[in-house]
Protein backbone atom coordinates (compact mmCIF):
# COMPACT_ATOMS: atom_id res chain seq x y z
CA MET A 1 45.13 55.74 74.59
CA LYS A 2 46.59 53.90 77.55
CA LYS A 3 49.59 55.55 79.21
CA SER A 4 52.49 53.18 79.68
CA LYS A 5 54.04 52.70 83.10
CA LEU A 6 57.68 51.91 83.54
CA LEU A 7 58.81 49.10 85.78
CA PRO A 8 61.22 50.01 88.59
CA LYS A 9 64.09 48.35 86.71
CA GLU A 10 63.33 50.46 83.62
CA LYS A 11 63.18 53.63 85.73
CA ARG A 12 66.62 52.83 87.15
CA ILE A 13 67.98 52.40 83.62
CA LEU A 14 66.73 55.88 82.67
CA GLU A 15 68.12 57.33 85.90
CA ASN A 16 71.52 55.76 85.17
CA LEU A 17 71.44 57.15 81.63
CA GLY A 18 70.63 60.60 82.99
CA GLU A 19 73.45 60.41 85.52
CA ASN A 20 75.89 59.27 82.81
CA LEU A 21 74.91 62.21 80.61
CA LYS A 22 75.27 64.62 83.52
CA LEU A 23 78.75 63.24 84.26
CA ALA A 24 79.68 63.53 80.58
CA ARG A 25 78.58 67.18 80.63
CA LYS A 26 80.58 67.89 83.77
CA ARG A 27 83.68 66.12 82.45
CA ARG A 28 83.55 68.48 79.47
CA LYS A 29 83.18 71.39 81.90
CA LEU A 30 79.92 72.46 80.26
CA SER A 31 77.25 74.24 82.24
CA ALA A 32 73.70 72.98 81.91
CA GLU A 33 72.79 76.26 80.26
CA LEU A 34 75.52 75.94 77.63
CA LEU A 35 74.72 72.30 76.84
CA SER A 36 71.01 73.00 76.55
CA GLU A 37 71.81 75.88 74.19
CA ARG A 38 74.10 73.69 72.07
CA ALA A 39 71.48 70.93 71.98
CA ASN A 40 68.78 73.48 71.11
CA ILE A 41 66.59 72.45 74.03
CA SER A 42 65.36 74.19 77.16
CA ARG A 43 67.24 73.96 80.43
CA SER A 44 64.23 72.21 82.00
CA THR A 45 64.31 69.54 79.26
CA LEU A 46 67.99 68.91 79.97
CA TRP A 47 67.16 68.68 83.65
CA SER A 48 64.48 66.05 82.82
CA ILE A 49 67.03 64.02 80.85
CA GLU A 50 69.63 64.22 83.59
CA GLN A 51 67.02 63.15 86.16
CA GLY A 52 66.08 60.12 84.04
CA LYS A 53 62.55 61.24 83.32
CA ALA A 54 60.69 59.24 80.68
CA ASN A 55 59.01 62.23 79.02
CA VAL A 56 61.87 62.99 76.61
CA SER A 57 61.82 62.05 72.93
CA LEU A 58 64.56 60.09 71.20
CA GLU A 59 65.12 63.11 68.98
CA THR A 60 65.87 65.26 72.03
CA LEU A 61 68.15 62.60 73.47
CA LEU A 62 70.04 62.50 70.17
CA GLN A 63 70.42 66.28 70.22
CA VAL A 64 72.03 66.10 73.67
CA LEU A 65 74.28 63.19 72.67
CA SER A 66 75.36 65.12 69.56
CA ALA A 67 76.14 68.23 71.58
CA LEU A 68 78.32 66.07 73.85
CA GLY A 69 80.01 64.36 70.89
CA LEU A 70 78.45 61.02 71.85
CA SER A 71 75.88 60.48 69.11
CA GLY A 72 77.74 57.37 67.93
CA ASP A 73 76.82 55.72 71.22
CA LEU A 74 73.20 55.56 70.09
CA LYS A 75 74.26 53.21 67.29
CA LEU A 76 75.47 50.72 69.91
CA ILE A 77 72.03 50.15 71.41
CA ALA A 78 70.94 46.58 70.61
CA ALA A 79 73.89 46.14 68.24
CA ASP A 80 75.03 43.02 70.09
CA ASP A 81 71.76 41.13 70.54
CA LYS A 82 73.03 38.12 72.51
CA LEU A 83 69.60 36.70 73.31
CA GLY A 84 68.41 37.11 69.72
CA ARG A 85 71.51 35.33 68.42
CA LYS A 86 71.03 32.44 70.88
CA LEU A 87 67.40 32.07 69.84
CA GLN A 88 68.45 32.14 66.20
CA ASP A 89 71.16 29.52 66.82
CA VAL A 90 68.68 27.23 68.61
CA SER A 91 66.32 27.57 65.67
CA LEU A 92 69.10 26.75 63.21
CA ILE A 93 70.26 23.75 65.24
CA SER A 94 66.74 22.35 65.61
CA THR A 95 66.14 22.75 61.86
CA LYS A 96 69.38 20.90 61.16
CA LEU A 97 68.39 18.08 63.54
CA LYS A 98 64.97 17.73 61.89
CA LYS A 99 66.59 17.35 58.48
CA LYS A 100 68.85 14.51 59.72
CA LYS A 101 65.85 12.43 60.86
């Protein structure tokens, strides 16, 4: 199986996510040890998440978000698909134009 490689832009997205989670932890005055315990993960796994490493499962990410009280944020990913809606609108408009001919 071929191992996927992230583009630099994608790496920065993960790094930003990790930094945001670290800030959320610190705002709540939680130590890394306490958060990892609440999320039922190892301290090294939490460190990987906070560093933006790509080797963490979605399940683990959800555990951390839940422990921070942010699990609802996961529901927001791709909820507002602007590009998809534009493509759909173009398709609907072109279908309507074809029918008029």
